[in-house]
Amino acid sequence: MRVIVGPLSKIVYATIGIREAALDVNEGFPYLFATLANGACLMSKSLAFLILVTSMAFAGSPLWVPEFGGFEPYQFPIPQQNAAVQPAGYAFAIWGPIFTWLVIAAVYGLWKRATASTWTAMRPALLVSLAIGTAWLPVASLSPVWAGILIWLMLISSLVALFRSPHEGQVWASWPIGLYAGWLSAASFAAIGLLLGGYGWASELTAAMICVSLASVLGFAIQWRLRRAPTYGISVIWALFAIAVANQFAFDSVAPVAIVGAIAMLWPIYRTRG
């Protein structure tokens, strides 16, 4: 919140977030200032609390749909059995660190940074991503198309949160969000690849080539522009390497593209040291 007293102390320009209002205060300035300050503080604390609640709900969402282990081949008009764009099964274990880190970071944020404006800036977008993520598994068990739409909304909002995350205390802010957004960057294109192949818009290999290439380009560009949160790039590398593993590193598969993308990611990750 920013408050500027105008001429003759009769006009106050109060800015909360991105909204500015001109207020004629006369003798009520102390009360107005206290009200605005308390309102901004309450909003920040509420956001921090909601982040904790949604983080826990998101982490617990697999318990709601315990039978879901990925899209079933029959969910597509052209069954996608071991599609080339999908990473090896072990790669999905990354959700354990993602869930754990997000919840711990949310606890820390509520405890230590509930009213810090640098932390408040990222919370609305992160809240949107986590809320959508909480509903993703039930939706994915019913519709790959809607799951694809939702995962892209999760990705976009998580990237907004990542770029708005504070530069201080990155271990509890940008790093866990980076790990989360990095995986989503690869998973979002994997979802598109499954839809392309599953609906006959491209062959399985062509869909994989296109989507793995685009995921690599996006991951490289985001990490290059961000210049911090190396966990983002590490998560992308994890996904790309797992795609190569799933394709048994075959030269006539998408594996070489995934390996090149993973190696290229090392450059922008290295730049985060500066």
Protein backbone atom coordinates (compact mmCIF):
# COMPACT_ATOMS: atom_id res chain seq x y z
CA MET A 1 0.00 0.00 0.00
CA ARG A 2 1.20 3.56 -0.81
CA VAL A 3 -0.33 6.74 0.64
CA ILE A 4 0.55 10.26 -0.60
CA VAL A 5 -0.80 13.37 1.13
CA GLY A 6 -1.83 16.09 -1.33
CA PRO A 7 -1.86 19.90 -0.99
CA LEU A 8 -3.13 21.32 2.30
CA SER A 9 -3.34 17.78 3.63
CA LYS A 10 -6.91 17.54 2.35
CA ILE A 11 -6.43 15.05 -0.44
CA VAL A 12 -4.93 11.63 0.03
CA TYR A 13 -3.99 9.43 -2.90
CA ALA A 14 -4.07 5.86 -1.70
CA THR A 15 -2.75 3.04 -3.84
CA ILE A 16 -3.49 -0.55 -2.90
CA GLY A 17 -2.17 -3.01 -5.42
CA ILE A 18 -2.83 -1.28 -8.76
CA ARG A 19 -5.90 0.75 -7.80
CA GLU A 20 -5.60 4.38 -6.88
CA ALA A 21 -8.24 6.52 -5.22
CA ALA A 22 -8.28 10.23 -4.33
CA LEU A 23 -9.81 10.83 -0.91
CA ASP A 24 -10.88 14.06 0.79
CA VAL A 25 -10.01 13.43 4.42
CA ASN A 26 -9.97 16.71 6.38
CA GLU A 27 -9.61 15.65 9.99
CA GLY A 28 -10.10 11.94 9.48
CA PHE A 29 -6.68 11.18 7.98
CA PRO A 30 -5.30 9.14 10.92
CA TYR A 31 -8.36 6.94 10.92
CA LEU A 32 -8.36 6.58 7.15
CA PHE A 33 -4.68 5.64 7.10
CA ALA A 34 -5.21 3.05 9.81
CA THR A 35 -8.20 1.60 7.98
CA LEU A 36 -6.33 1.31 4.70
CA ALA A 37 -3.26 -0.16 6.36
CA ASN A 38 -5.33 -2.69 8.30
CA GLY A 39 -7.25 -3.62 5.16
CA ALA A 40 -4.09 -4.23 3.16
CA CYS A 41 -2.57 -6.22 6.02
CA LEU A 42 -5.69 -8.36 6.36
CA MET A 43 -5.78 -9.00 2.61
CA SER A 44 -2.13 -10.08 2.60
CA LYS A 45 -2.65 -12.42 5.54
CA SER A 46 -5.78 -13.85 3.94
CA LEU A 47 -3.91 -14.58 0.72
CA ALA A 48 -1.09 -16.25 2.63
CA PHE A 49 -3.61 -18.40 4.49
CA LEU A 50 -5.44 -19.33 1.28
CA ILE A 51 -2.13 -20.34 -0.31
CA LEU A 52 -1.54 -22.73 2.60
CA VAL A 53 -5.04 -24.19 2.34
CA THR A 54 -4.89 -24.69 -1.43
CA SER A 55 -1.34 -26.09 -1.24
CA MET A 56 -2.53 -28.72 1.21
CA ALA A 57 -5.62 -29.46 -0.87
CA PHE A 58 -3.47 -29.73 -3.99
CA ALA A 59 -1.03 -32.08 -2.26
CA GLY A 60 -3.93 -34.20 -1.05
CA SER A 61 -5.73 -34.32 -4.42
CA PRO A 62 -4.22 -37.71 -5.43
CA LEU A 63 -6.07 -39.21 -2.47
CA TRP A 64 -9.37 -38.18 -4.06
CA VAL A 65 -8.68 -40.10 -7.27
CA PRO A 66 -6.33 -42.90 -6.12
CA GLU A 67 -7.06 -45.01 -9.19
CA PHE A 68 -5.75 -42.38 -11.63
CA GLY A 69 -2.35 -43.33 -13.01
CA GLY A 70 -2.37 -41.24 -16.16
CA PHE A 71 -4.63 -41.04 -19.19
CA GLU A 72 -6.05 -44.35 -20.32
CA PRO A 73 -5.49 -45.27 -23.98
CA TYR A 74 -9.24 -45.63 -24.56
CA GLN A 75 -9.85 -41.98 -23.54
CA PHE A 76 -8.76 -41.00 -27.06
CA PRO A 77 -10.41 -41.83 -30.40
CA ILE A 78 -7.04 -43.28 -31.45
CA PRO A 79 -5.77 -45.12 -28.34
CA GLN A 80 -2.48 -43.74 -27.06
CA GLN A 81 -0.60 -46.74 -25.73
CA ASN A 82 2.85 -45.72 -24.45
CA ALA A 83 2.81 -42.52 -26.50
CA ALA A 84 6.25 -41.22 -27.43
CA VAL A 85 5.57 -37.80 -25.88
CA GLN A 86 5.06 -39.23 -22.40
CA PRO A 87 7.93 -39.46 -19.89
CA ALA A 88 8.89 -42.70 -18.17
CA GLY A 89 6.73 -43.53 -15.19
CA TYR A 90 9.42 -42.87 -12.58
CA ALA A 91 9.47 -39.18 -13.57
CA PHE A 92 6.08 -38.58 -11.95
CA ALA A 93 7.74 -39.12 -8.56
CA ILE A 94 8.74 -35.45 -8.82
CA TRP A 95 5.28 -34.62 -7.55
CA GLY A 96 6.41 -35.73 -4.08
CA PRO A 97 9.03 -32.97 -3.75
CA ILE A 98 6.72 -30.48 -5.50
CA PHE A 99 3.82 -31.07 -3.11
CA THR A 100 6.05 -31.15 -0.04
CA TRP A 101 8.00 -28.01 -0.95
CA LEU A 102 4.89 -26.03 -1.85
CA VAL A 103 3.23 -26.86 1.48
CA ILE A 104 6.34 -26.08 3.54
CA ALA A 105 6.84 -22.84 1.60
CA ALA A 106 3.23 -21.89 2.25
CA VAL A 107 3.69 -22.49 5.98
CA TYR A 108 6.82 -20.35 5.95
CA GLY A 109 5.08 -17.64 3.95
CA LEU A 110 2.17 -17.44 6.38
CA TRP A 111 4.46 -17.56 9.41
CA LYS A 112 7.24 -15.21 8.33
CA ARG A 113 6.12 -13.30 5.22
CA ALA A 114 2.36 -12.94 5.55
CA THR A 115 2.34 -9.16 5.11
CA ALA A 116 5.48 -8.70 2.97
CA SER A 117 4.47 -6.87 -0.21
CA THR A 118 7.15 -8.66 -2.24
CA TRP A 119 5.53 -11.96 -1.34
CA THR A 120 1.96 -10.77 -1.73
CA ALA A 121 2.60 -9.91 -5.38
CA MET A 122 2.97 -13.56 -6.43
CA ARG A 123 0.14 -15.00 -4.35
CA PRO A 124 -2.97 -14.28 -6.47
CA ALA A 125 -1.53 -16.04 -9.53
CA LEU A 126 -0.18 -18.91 -7.42
CA LEU A 127 -3.57 -19.27 -5.74
CA VAL A 128 -5.25 -19.61 -9.14
CA SER A 129 -2.77 -22.26 -10.27
CA LEU A 130 -3.06 -24.31 -7.09
CA ALA A 131 -6.85 -24.09 -7.05
CA ILE A 132 -7.04 -25.36 -10.63
CA GLY A 133 -4.49 -28.04 -9.81
CA THR A 134 -6.64 -29.29 -6.96
CA ALA A 135 -9.41 -30.06 -9.45
CA TRP A 136 -7.15 -31.39 -12.21
CA LEU A 137 -7.05 -35.10 -11.37
CA PRO A 138 -10.85 -35.57 -11.19
CA VAL A 139 -11.20 -33.70 -14.49
CA ALA A 140 -8.36 -35.66 -16.13
CA SER A 141 -10.04 -38.95 -15.24
CA LEU A 142 -13.04 -37.82 -17.27
CA SER A 143 -11.74 -35.69 -20.15
CA PRO A 144 -8.23 -35.36 -21.61
CA VAL A 145 -9.35 -32.28 -23.54
CA TRP A 146 -10.45 -30.38 -20.46
CA ALA A 147 -7.42 -31.67 -18.58
CA GLY A 148 -5.24 -30.17 -21.34
CA ILE A 149 -7.00 -26.82 -21.04
CA LEU A 150 -6.67 -26.81 -17.26
CA ILE A 151 -3.00 -27.74 -17.24
CA TRP A 152 -2.24 -24.82 -19.53
CA LEU A 153 -4.11 -22.49 -17.18
CA MET A 154 -2.08 -23.95 -14.32
CA LEU A 155 1.13 -23.36 -16.25
CA ILE A 156 0.37 -19.77 -17.23
CA SER A 157 -0.66 -18.73 -13.73
CA SER A 158 2.34 -20.54 -12.18
CA LEU A 159 4.70 -18.69 -14.53
CA VAL A 160 3.11 -15.37 -13.58
CA ALA A 161 3.65 -16.26 -9.92
CA LEU A 162 7.23 -17.31 -10.64
CA PHE A 163 8.16 -14.03 -12.31
CA ARG A 164 6.45 -12.08 -9.52
CA SER A 165 8.13 -14.10 -6.77
CA PRO A 166 10.49 -12.22 -4.41
CA HIS A 167 14.23 -12.17 -4.86
CA GLU A 168 14.76 -12.66 -1.13
CA GLY A 169 14.08 -16.00 0.52
CA GLN A 170 14.01 -17.77 -2.84
CA VAL A 171 14.28 -21.19 -1.25
CA TRP A 172 10.74 -20.68 0.08
CA ALA A 173 9.31 -18.75 -2.86
CA SER A 174 10.74 -18.94 -6.38
CA TRP A 175 12.47 -22.31 -5.97
CA PRO A 176 9.41 -24.43 -5.14
CA ILE A 177 7.31 -22.53 -7.68
CA GLY A 178 10.07 -23.04 -10.23
CA LEU A 179 10.11 -26.80 -9.67
CA TYR A 180 6.33 -26.85 -10.08
CA ALA A 181 6.23 -24.59 -13.15
CA GLY A 182 9.10 -26.45 -14.82
CA TRP A 183 7.28 -29.75 -14.65
CA LEU A 184 4.09 -28.10 -15.90
CA SER A 185 6.01 -26.63 -18.85
CA ALA A 186 6.84 -30.13 -20.05
CA ALA A 187 3.52 -31.69 -19.01
CA SER A 188 1.48 -29.06 -20.85
CA PHE A 189 3.13 -29.90 -24.15
CA ALA A 190 2.86 -33.61 -23.40
CA ALA A 191 -0.90 -33.08 -23.05
CA ILE A 192 -0.99 -31.38 -26.46
CA GLY A 193 1.06 -34.20 -27.96
CA LEU A 194 -1.40 -36.78 -26.67
CA LEU A 195 -4.33 -34.84 -28.11
CA LEU A 196 -2.61 -34.41 -31.48
CA GLY A 197 -1.94 -38.13 -31.75
CA GLY A 198 -5.12 -39.25 -30.02
CA TYR A 199 -7.39 -37.31 -32.35
CA GLY A 200 -5.44 -38.10 -35.51
CA TRP A 201 -4.21 -34.56 -36.13
CA ALA A 202 -0.64 -35.84 -36.35
CA SER A 203 1.19 -39.12 -36.13
CA GLU A 204 2.42 -40.13 -32.70
CA LEU A 205 6.06 -39.45 -33.60
CA THR A 206 5.33 -36.13 -35.31
CA ALA A 207 3.26 -34.98 -32.34
CA ALA A 208 6.08 -35.94 -29.99
CA MET A 209 8.72 -34.18 -32.09
CA ILE A 210 6.69 -30.97 -32.24
CA CYS A 211 5.74 -30.89 -28.59
CA VAL A 212 9.10 -31.90 -27.14
CA SER A 213 10.79 -29.28 -29.31
CA LEU A 214 8.36 -26.58 -28.19
CA ALA A 215 8.68 -27.61 -24.54
CA SER A 216 12.46 -27.32 -24.84
CA VAL A 217 12.25 -23.88 -26.45
CA LEU A 218 9.77 -22.62 -23.85
CA GLY A 219 11.83 -24.00 -20.98
CA PHE A 220 15.02 -22.44 -22.34
CA ALA A 221 13.34 -19.05 -22.90
CA ILE A 222 11.73 -18.94 -19.45
CA GLN A 223 14.90 -19.88 -17.59
CA TRP A 224 16.96 -17.44 -19.69
CA ARG A 225 14.57 -14.58 -19.00
CA LEU A 226 14.17 -15.45 -15.33
CA ARG A 227 17.88 -15.68 -14.44
CA ARG A 228 17.07 -17.24 -11.06
CA ALA A 229 15.16 -20.22 -9.66
CA PRO A 230 17.33 -22.93 -11.26
CA THR A 231 14.77 -25.46 -10.06
CA TYR A 232 12.64 -24.48 -13.06
CA GLY A 233 15.25 -25.66 -15.54
CA ILE A 234 16.14 -28.70 -13.46
CA SER A 235 12.51 -29.79 -13.55
CA VAL A 236 12.36 -29.35 -17.32
CA ILE A 237 15.54 -31.42 -17.70
CA TRP A 238 14.04 -34.12 -15.47
CA ALA A 239 11.00 -34.35 -17.75
CA LEU A 240 12.97 -34.28 -21.01
CA PHE A 241 15.40 -36.95 -19.88
CA ALA A 242 12.49 -39.14 -18.77
CA ILE A 243 10.98 -38.82 -22.26
CA ALA A 244 14.28 -40.04 -23.70
CA VAL A 245 14.25 -42.96 -21.23
CA ALA A 246 10.69 -43.86 -22.21
CA ASN A 247 11.81 -43.98 -25.83
CA GLN A 248 14.83 -46.13 -24.89
CA PHE A 249 17.22 -43.50 -26.30
CA ALA A 250 16.41 -44.76 -29.78
CA PHE A 251 17.93 -42.64 -32.53
CA ASP A 252 14.80 -42.91 -34.70
CA SER A 253 12.54 -41.67 -31.90
CA VAL A 254 11.98 -38.35 -30.13
CA ALA A 255 14.77 -39.22 -27.67
CA PRO A 256 17.54 -37.25 -29.48
CA VAL A 257 15.36 -34.13 -29.47
CA ALA A 258 14.68 -34.54 -25.76
CA ILE A 259 18.38 -35.06 -24.99
CA VAL A 260 19.41 -31.97 -26.98
CA GLY A 261 16.74 -29.95 -25.18
CA ALA A 262 17.92 -31.18 -21.79
CA ILE A 263 21.55 -30.36 -22.55
CA ALA A 264 20.62 -26.90 -23.87
CA MET A 265 18.81 -26.17 -20.59
CA LEU A 266 22.11 -26.30 -18.74
CA TRP A 267 23.17 -22.95 -20.22
CA PRO A 268 20.37 -20.77 -18.78
CA ILE A 269 20.57 -22.72 -15.51
CA TYR A 270 24.27 -21.86 -15.28
CA ARG A 271 23.41 -18.17 -15.76
CA THR A 272 21.37 -18.22 -12.55
CA ARG A 273 24.64 -18.29 -10.61
CA GLY A 274 25.38 -14.67 -11.51
